[in-house]
Amino acid sequence: MLEPVRIQTEDFSQDEEVTALLGSSKRMGGIGTFLGCARDFSEGREVSEISFDAYGSMALSEMNILRNEAIAKFGLLDARIVHRIGTVKGGDNIVFIAAGAEHRAPALDACRWMIDELKERVPIWKKEITPQGDSWVVPHP
C-alpha cells in the first residue's frame, strides 16, 4: 500500500489515491481533492518543462506535519499528499491532495488549506524552463 504522504519522481494515479483514502474509513461521506498540473505557459512565456527540487527529508517531514495538522484542524478521517520532483512537461501531474471527512465542507476546506500551506511551508522549489532561459519561480499561495 502506498504511503499517504510521498515525494516521488514518477507520476501518480488519482484513482489509486482516492481508493486508498476510501479504504481507511467507511464513515467517509465527502472527499475534497486538488490536482496541480504543469502549464505550458506562464507570465507571458512558453514553458517547455518545469523542474522541481526538494529538500527531501525536510520536505517530507513538513508534509507529514501538515497532513496531521489538517486531520486535527478539520476533523478529517484521512488525508493524502503526493508531490512530484524532477522534470515534468505541460499537462503532467505535479501534486495531488485529498481530504476525507464525514461531510463535504470540512473535506473541501481542508483540501484548500493543505495546498495553500504546502506552497508556503514545504521546501520544494520550481524552475521553469523556457526558450528565453530558465527561471526559478517565487512561491505564491
N, C-alpha and C. Protein backbone atom coordinates (compact mmCIF):
# COMPACT_ATOMS: atom_id res chain seq x y z
N MET A 1 0.84 -1.19 0.00
CA MET A 1 0.00 0.00 0.00
C MET A 1 0.88 1.25 0.00
N LEU A 2 0.46 2.25 -0.74
CA LEU A 2 1.22 3.49 -0.85
C LEU A 2 1.11 4.33 0.42
N GLU A 3 2.23 4.94 0.79
CA GLU A 3 2.23 5.82 1.96
C GLU A 3 1.32 7.02 1.68
N PRO A 4 0.64 7.55 2.70
CA PRO A 4 -0.28 8.66 2.47
C PRO A 4 0.40 9.99 2.14
N VAL A 5 1.69 10.10 2.46
CA VAL A 5 2.45 11.31 2.14
C VAL A 5 3.72 10.87 1.42
N ARG A 6 3.89 11.40 0.19
CA ARG A 6 5.05 10.97 -0.60
C ARG A 6 5.60 12.10 -1.45
N ILE A 7 6.90 12.00 -1.72
CA ILE A 7 7.58 12.80 -2.74
C ILE A 7 8.16 11.78 -3.69
N GLN A 8 7.90 11.93 -5.00
CA GLN A 8 8.35 10.91 -5.94
C GLN A 8 8.61 11.52 -7.32
N THR A 9 9.42 10.84 -8.11
CA THR A 9 9.69 11.31 -9.47
C THR A 9 8.63 10.84 -10.46
N GLU A 10 8.07 9.66 -10.21
CA GLU A 10 7.11 9.10 -11.17
C GLU A 10 5.72 9.69 -10.97
N ASP A 11 4.89 9.55 -12.01
CA ASP A 11 3.51 10.02 -11.96
C ASP A 11 2.74 9.23 -10.90
N PHE A 12 1.57 9.70 -10.56
CA PHE A 12 0.70 9.04 -9.59
C PHE A 12 -0.68 8.87 -10.21
N SER A 13 -1.47 8.02 -9.58
CA SER A 13 -2.83 7.77 -10.04
C SER A 13 -3.82 8.36 -9.04
N GLN A 14 -4.63 9.31 -9.50
CA GLN A 14 -5.66 9.88 -8.63
C GLN A 14 -6.60 8.78 -8.13
N ASP A 15 -6.95 7.87 -9.02
CA ASP A 15 -7.86 6.78 -8.64
C ASP A 15 -7.29 5.93 -7.52
N GLU A 16 -6.00 5.59 -7.61
CA GLU A 16 -5.38 4.79 -6.54
C GLU A 16 -5.35 5.56 -5.23
N GLU A 17 -5.09 6.85 -5.29
CA GLU A 17 -5.05 7.66 -4.07
C GLU A 17 -6.43 7.74 -3.42
N VAL A 18 -7.47 7.98 -4.21
CA VAL A 18 -8.83 8.07 -3.68
C VAL A 18 -9.28 6.71 -3.14
N THR A 19 -8.94 5.63 -3.84
CA THR A 19 -9.28 4.28 -3.36
C THR A 19 -8.62 4.02 -2.01
N ALA A 20 -7.36 4.40 -1.86
CA ALA A 20 -6.66 4.22 -0.58
C ALA A 20 -7.32 5.05 0.51
N LEU A 21 -7.71 6.27 0.17
CA LEU A 21 -8.38 7.13 1.14
C LEU A 21 -9.70 6.51 1.59
N LEU A 22 -10.49 6.06 0.63
CA LEU A 22 -11.78 5.42 0.96
C LEU A 22 -11.59 4.16 1.80
N GLY A 23 -10.50 3.46 1.58
CA GLY A 23 -10.23 2.24 2.32
C GLY A 23 -9.91 2.47 3.78
N SER A 24 -9.66 3.71 4.15
CA SER A 24 -9.28 3.99 5.53
C SER A 24 -10.47 4.15 6.47
N SER A 25 -11.68 4.39 5.93
CA SER A 25 -12.85 4.55 6.80
C SER A 25 -14.15 4.42 6.01
N LYS A 26 -15.09 3.68 6.56
CA LYS A 26 -16.42 3.54 5.95
C LYS A 26 -17.32 4.73 6.34
N ARG A 27 -16.84 5.60 7.24
CA ARG A 27 -17.62 6.77 7.66
C ARG A 27 -17.44 7.95 6.69
N MET A 28 -16.55 7.79 5.73
CA MET A 28 -16.22 8.89 4.83
C MET A 28 -17.41 9.20 3.93
N GLY A 29 -17.89 10.44 4.03
CA GLY A 29 -19.03 10.86 3.22
C GLY A 29 -18.66 11.92 2.20
N GLY A 30 -17.48 12.53 2.35
CA GLY A 30 -17.05 13.56 1.42
C GLY A 30 -15.55 13.54 1.24
N ILE A 31 -15.12 13.69 0.01
CA ILE A 31 -13.69 13.75 -0.30
C ILE A 31 -13.46 15.00 -1.14
N GLY A 32 -12.54 15.83 -0.68
CA GLY A 32 -12.12 17.00 -1.45
C GLY A 32 -10.76 16.69 -2.04
N THR A 33 -10.58 17.00 -3.33
CA THR A 33 -9.29 16.74 -3.97
C THR A 33 -8.78 17.98 -4.68
N PHE A 34 -7.47 18.05 -4.81
CA PHE A 34 -6.81 19.07 -5.61
C PHE A 34 -5.75 18.38 -6.45
N LEU A 35 -5.76 18.67 -7.73
CA LEU A 35 -4.74 18.17 -8.64
C LEU A 35 -4.05 19.36 -9.26
N GLY A 36 -2.75 19.48 -9.03
CA GLY A 36 -1.95 20.53 -9.65
C GLY A 36 -1.26 19.96 -10.88
N CYS A 37 -1.40 20.65 -12.00
CA CYS A 37 -0.82 20.21 -13.28
C CYS A 37 0.15 21.26 -13.81
N ALA A 38 1.09 20.80 -14.62
CA ALA A 38 2.06 21.71 -15.23
C ALA A 38 1.42 22.45 -16.40
N ARG A 39 1.61 23.76 -16.42
CA ARG A 39 1.14 24.58 -17.54
C ARG A 39 2.28 24.78 -18.53
N ASP A 40 1.93 24.97 -19.79
CA ASP A 40 2.96 25.20 -20.80
C ASP A 40 3.12 26.69 -21.10
N PHE A 41 2.52 27.54 -20.24
CA PHE A 41 2.59 28.98 -20.43
C PHE A 41 2.54 29.63 -19.06
N SER A 42 3.41 30.58 -18.81
CA SER A 42 3.45 31.25 -17.51
C SER A 42 4.02 32.65 -17.67
N GLU A 43 3.31 33.62 -17.12
CA GLU A 43 3.75 35.01 -17.12
C GLU A 43 4.20 35.48 -18.50
N GLY A 44 3.38 35.17 -19.50
CA GLY A 44 3.64 35.64 -20.85
C GLY A 44 4.69 34.87 -21.64
N ARG A 45 5.16 33.75 -21.09
CA ARG A 45 6.20 32.97 -21.77
C ARG A 45 5.76 31.53 -21.95
N GLU A 46 6.20 30.93 -23.05
CA GLU A 46 6.01 29.50 -23.23
C GLU A 46 6.94 28.77 -22.28
N VAL A 47 6.43 27.70 -21.69
CA VAL A 47 7.24 26.89 -20.77
C VAL A 47 7.35 25.50 -21.37
N SER A 48 8.57 25.06 -21.64
CA SER A 48 8.75 23.73 -22.24
C SER A 48 8.76 22.64 -21.18
N GLU A 49 9.33 22.93 -20.03
CA GLU A 49 9.38 21.96 -18.92
C GLU A 49 9.42 22.72 -17.60
N ILE A 50 9.09 22.00 -16.54
CA ILE A 50 9.23 22.55 -15.19
C ILE A 50 10.02 21.54 -14.38
N SER A 51 11.00 22.04 -13.67
CA SER A 51 11.84 21.19 -12.84
C SER A 51 11.52 21.47 -11.37
N PHE A 52 11.28 20.41 -10.60
CA PHE A 52 11.01 20.54 -9.18
C PHE A 52 12.14 19.89 -8.40
N ASP A 53 12.57 20.59 -7.38
CA ASP A 53 13.61 20.06 -6.48
C ASP A 53 13.11 20.25 -5.05
N ALA A 54 13.52 19.37 -4.17
CA ALA A 54 13.06 19.43 -2.78
C ALA A 54 14.20 19.16 -1.83
N TYR A 55 14.10 19.73 -0.66
CA TYR A 55 14.98 19.37 0.44
C TYR A 55 14.31 18.14 1.03
N GLY A 56 14.65 16.96 0.45
CA GLY A 56 13.95 15.70 0.66
C GLY A 56 13.41 15.40 2.04
N SER A 57 14.27 15.16 3.02
CA SER A 57 13.78 14.73 4.34
C SER A 57 13.00 15.84 5.03
N MET A 58 13.43 17.08 4.87
CA MET A 58 12.72 18.19 5.50
C MET A 58 11.35 18.39 4.83
N ALA A 59 11.30 18.28 3.51
CA ALA A 59 10.03 18.45 2.79
C ALA A 59 9.05 17.36 3.20
N LEU A 60 9.50 16.13 3.25
CA LEU A 60 8.63 15.02 3.63
C LEU A 60 8.15 15.16 5.07
N SER A 61 9.04 15.55 5.95
CA SER A 61 8.67 15.76 7.35
C SER A 61 7.61 16.85 7.47
N GLU A 62 7.80 17.96 6.77
CA GLU A 62 6.83 19.07 6.84
C GLU A 62 5.49 18.67 6.22
N MET A 63 5.52 17.86 5.16
CA MET A 63 4.28 17.38 4.55
C MET A 63 3.51 16.48 5.52
N ASN A 64 4.22 15.64 6.27
CA ASN A 64 3.57 14.79 7.27
C ASN A 64 2.97 15.62 8.40
N ILE A 65 3.70 16.65 8.84
CA ILE A 65 3.18 17.55 9.88
C ILE A 65 1.92 18.24 9.36
N LEU A 66 1.98 18.72 8.13
CA LEU A 66 0.85 19.40 7.51
C LEU A 66 -0.37 18.49 7.46
N ARG A 67 -0.18 17.25 7.05
CA ARG A 67 -1.27 16.27 6.99
C ARG A 67 -1.89 16.08 8.37
N ASN A 68 -1.03 15.87 9.38
CA ASN A 68 -1.53 15.66 10.74
C ASN A 68 -2.28 16.88 11.26
N GLU A 69 -1.77 18.08 10.95
CA GLU A 69 -2.46 19.31 11.36
C GLU A 69 -3.83 19.41 10.70
N ALA A 70 -3.91 19.07 9.42
CA ALA A 70 -5.19 19.14 8.70
C ALA A 70 -6.20 18.16 9.29
N ILE A 71 -5.74 16.96 9.60
CA ILE A 71 -6.63 15.95 10.20
C ILE A 71 -7.20 16.48 11.51
N ALA A 72 -6.35 17.08 12.35
CA ALA A 72 -6.79 17.60 13.64
C ALA A 72 -7.66 18.86 13.47
N LYS A 73 -7.22 19.77 12.66
CA LYS A 73 -7.90 21.07 12.49
C LYS A 73 -9.30 20.94 11.88
N PHE A 74 -9.46 20.05 10.91
CA PHE A 74 -10.72 19.93 10.18
C PHE A 74 -11.52 18.67 10.54
N GLY A 75 -11.00 17.87 11.47
CA GLY A 75 -11.70 16.66 11.87
C GLY A 75 -11.78 15.63 10.75
N LEU A 76 -10.71 15.52 9.97
CA LEU A 76 -10.69 14.59 8.85
C LEU A 76 -10.59 13.15 9.33
N LEU A 77 -11.05 12.24 8.50
CA LEU A 77 -10.86 10.81 8.75
C LEU A 77 -9.51 10.37 8.19
N ASP A 78 -9.08 11.02 7.10
CA ASP A 78 -7.79 10.69 6.50
C ASP A 78 -7.44 11.77 5.48
N ALA A 79 -6.18 11.81 5.08
CA ALA A 79 -5.73 12.76 4.06
C ALA A 79 -4.50 12.19 3.37
N ARG A 80 -4.29 12.64 2.14
CA ARG A 80 -3.15 12.18 1.34
C ARG A 80 -2.52 13.38 0.64
N ILE A 81 -1.18 13.36 0.55
CA ILE A 81 -0.45 14.41 -0.16
C ILE A 81 0.66 13.73 -0.96
N VAL A 82 0.67 13.97 -2.27
CA VAL A 82 1.72 13.42 -3.14
C VAL A 82 2.26 14.57 -3.98
N HIS A 83 3.58 14.73 -4.00
CA HIS A 83 4.21 15.77 -4.82
C HIS A 83 5.34 15.16 -5.62
N ARG A 84 5.38 15.50 -6.89
CA ARG A 84 6.46 15.01 -7.75
C ARG A 84 7.66 15.96 -7.71
N ILE A 85 8.83 15.39 -7.92
CA ILE A 85 10.04 16.17 -8.14
C ILE A 85 10.63 15.69 -9.46
N GLY A 86 11.64 16.39 -9.94
CA GLY A 86 12.21 16.07 -11.23
C GLY A 86 11.58 16.97 -12.28
N THR A 87 11.64 16.55 -13.53
CA THR A 87 11.18 17.37 -14.64
C THR A 87 9.84 16.87 -15.17
N VAL A 88 8.92 17.81 -15.36
CA VAL A 88 7.61 17.50 -15.92
C VAL A 88 7.37 18.39 -17.14
N LYS A 89 6.47 17.96 -18.00
CA LYS A 89 6.09 18.73 -19.19
C LYS A 89 4.66 19.24 -19.02
N GLY A 90 4.26 20.18 -19.87
CA GLY A 90 2.92 20.73 -19.84
C GLY A 90 1.87 19.63 -19.85
N GLY A 91 0.89 19.74 -18.95
CA GLY A 91 -0.17 18.74 -18.86
C GLY A 91 0.11 17.63 -17.86
N ASP A 92 1.36 17.48 -17.43
CA ASP A 92 1.71 16.43 -16.47
C ASP A 92 1.20 16.77 -15.07
N ASN A 93 0.94 15.74 -14.29
CA ASN A 93 0.56 15.91 -12.88
C ASN A 93 1.77 16.37 -12.08
N ILE A 94 1.51 17.24 -11.08
CA ILE A 94 2.57 17.69 -10.18
C ILE A 94 2.26 17.30 -8.74
N VAL A 95 1.08 17.69 -8.27
CA VAL A 95 0.74 17.49 -6.87
C VAL A 95 -0.70 17.02 -6.75
N PHE A 96 -0.94 16.14 -5.79
CA PHE A 96 -2.30 15.65 -5.52
C PHE A 96 -2.53 15.72 -4.02
N ILE A 97 -3.66 16.29 -3.65
CA ILE A 97 -4.06 16.36 -2.26
C ILE A 97 -5.49 15.86 -2.16
N ALA A 98 -5.75 15.03 -1.17
CA ALA A 98 -7.10 14.54 -0.93
C ALA A 98 -7.38 14.58 0.56
N ALA A 99 -8.57 15.05 0.89
CA ALA A 99 -9.00 15.12 2.28
C ALA A 99 -10.34 14.40 2.39
N GLY A 100 -10.44 13.46 3.32
CA GLY A 100 -11.67 12.70 3.52
C GLY A 100 -12.26 12.99 4.88
N ALA A 101 -13.57 13.28 4.89
CA ALA A 101 -14.27 13.59 6.13
C ALA A 101 -15.67 12.98 6.08
N GLU A 102 -16.38 13.09 7.18
CA GLU A 102 -17.75 12.59 7.19
C GLU A 102 -18.65 13.42 6.28
N HIS A 103 -18.32 14.70 6.13
CA HIS A 103 -19.14 15.60 5.33
C HIS A 103 -18.26 16.42 4.38
N ARG A 104 -18.87 16.98 3.33
CA ARG A 104 -18.11 17.66 2.28
C ARG A 104 -17.40 18.93 2.73
N ALA A 105 -18.05 19.75 3.56
CA ALA A 105 -17.47 21.05 3.91
C ALA A 105 -16.07 20.93 4.53
N PRO A 106 -15.88 20.11 5.56
CA PRO A 106 -14.52 20.02 6.10
C PRO A 106 -13.52 19.42 5.11
N ALA A 107 -13.98 18.50 4.27
CA ALA A 107 -13.08 17.91 3.28
C ALA A 107 -12.60 18.96 2.28
N LEU A 108 -13.53 19.77 1.79
CA LEU A 108 -13.17 20.81 0.82
C LEU A 108 -12.32 21.91 1.46
N ASP A 109 -12.70 22.33 2.67
CA ASP A 109 -11.93 23.36 3.37
C ASP A 109 -10.51 22.88 3.65
N ALA A 110 -10.37 21.64 4.10
CA ALA A 110 -9.05 21.08 4.41
C ALA A 110 -8.19 20.96 3.17
N CYS A 111 -8.79 20.57 2.07
CA CYS A 111 -8.04 20.40 0.83
C CYS A 111 -7.43 21.74 0.41
N ARG A 112 -8.21 22.79 0.41
CA ARG A 112 -7.69 24.11 0.04
C ARG A 112 -6.62 24.57 1.03
N TRP A 113 -6.85 24.37 2.31
CA TRP A 113 -5.88 24.76 3.33
C TRP A 113 -4.56 24.02 3.12
N MET A 114 -4.63 22.71 2.83
CA MET A 114 -3.39 21.93 2.67
C MET A 114 -2.57 22.40 1.48
N ILE A 115 -3.19 22.69 0.32
CA ILE A 115 -2.38 23.14 -0.82
C ILE A 115 -1.80 24.52 -0.55
N ASP A 116 -2.57 25.39 0.08
CA ASP A 116 -2.04 26.72 0.41
C ASP A 116 -0.86 26.62 1.38
N GLU A 117 -0.99 25.80 2.40
CA GLU A 117 0.08 25.62 3.38
C GLU A 117 1.30 24.94 2.75
N LEU A 118 1.05 23.95 1.90
CA LEU A 118 2.16 23.25 1.24
C LEU A 118 3.00 24.24 0.45
N LYS A 119 2.37 25.10 -0.33
CA LYS A 119 3.09 26.06 -1.16
C LYS A 119 3.89 27.05 -0.31
N GLU A 120 3.38 27.34 0.88
CA GLU A 120 4.04 28.30 1.74
C GLU A 120 5.15 27.68 2.60
N ARG A 121 4.93 26.45 3.07
CA ARG A 121 5.80 25.87 4.11
C ARG A 121 6.78 24.81 3.65
N VAL A 122 6.45 24.07 2.62
CA VAL A 122 7.25 22.89 2.26
C VAL A 122 8.38 23.30 1.31
N PRO A 123 9.63 22.92 1.64
CA PRO A 123 10.77 23.32 0.81
C PRO A 123 10.87 22.52 -0.50
N ILE A 124 10.00 22.90 -1.43
CA ILE A 124 10.03 22.37 -2.79
C ILE A 124 10.12 23.58 -3.71
N TRP A 125 11.10 23.54 -4.61
CA TRP A 125 11.35 24.68 -5.49
C TRP A 125 11.04 24.32 -6.93
N LYS A 126 10.57 25.33 -7.67
CA LYS A 126 10.11 25.14 -9.04
C LYS A 126 10.92 26.04 -9.97
N LYS A 127 11.45 25.43 -11.03
CA LYS A 127 12.19 26.19 -12.04
C LYS A 127 11.52 25.95 -13.39
N GLU A 128 11.13 27.06 -14.04
CA GLU A 128 10.53 26.97 -15.36
C GLU A 128 11.62 27.03 -16.42
N ILE A 129 11.52 26.12 -17.38
CA ILE A 129 12.48 26.06 -18.48
C ILE A 129 11.76 26.60 -19.72
N THR A 130 12.25 27.73 -20.24
CA THR A 130 11.60 28.40 -21.35
C THR A 130 12.61 28.64 -22.47
N PRO A 131 12.13 28.96 -23.68
CA PRO A 131 13.05 29.29 -24.77
C PRO A 131 13.93 30.51 -24.43
N GLN A 132 13.44 31.38 -23.55
CA GLN A 132 14.22 32.56 -23.14
C GLN A 132 15.20 32.26 -22.02
N GLY A 133 15.18 31.06 -21.50
CA GLY A 133 16.08 30.69 -20.40
C GLY A 133 15.30 30.13 -19.22
N ASP A 134 16.04 29.67 -18.23
CA ASP A 134 15.45 29.07 -17.03
C ASP A 134 15.22 30.15 -15.97
N SER A 135 14.16 29.98 -15.18
CA SER A 135 13.95 30.91 -14.08
C SER A 135 13.27 30.21 -12.92
N TRP A 136 13.80 30.46 -11.72
CA TRP A 136 13.19 29.93 -10.50
C TRP A 136 11.92 30.71 -10.23
N VAL A 137 10.89 30.04 -9.79
CA VAL A 137 9.60 30.66 -9.55
C VAL A 137 9.47 30.97 -8.06
N VAL A 138 9.12 32.21 -7.77
CA VAL A 138 8.87 32.60 -6.39
C VAL A 138 7.52 32.01 -5.97
N PRO A 139 7.48 31.34 -4.80
CA PRO A 139 6.22 30.73 -4.37
C PRO A 139 5.11 31.77 -4.25
N HIS A 140 3.91 31.35 -4.62
CA HIS A 140 2.74 32.19 -4.46
C HIS A 140 1.56 31.32 -4.06
N PRO A 141 1.08 31.51 -2.81
CA PRO A 141 -0.04 30.69 -2.32
C PRO A 141 -1.32 30.95 -3.01
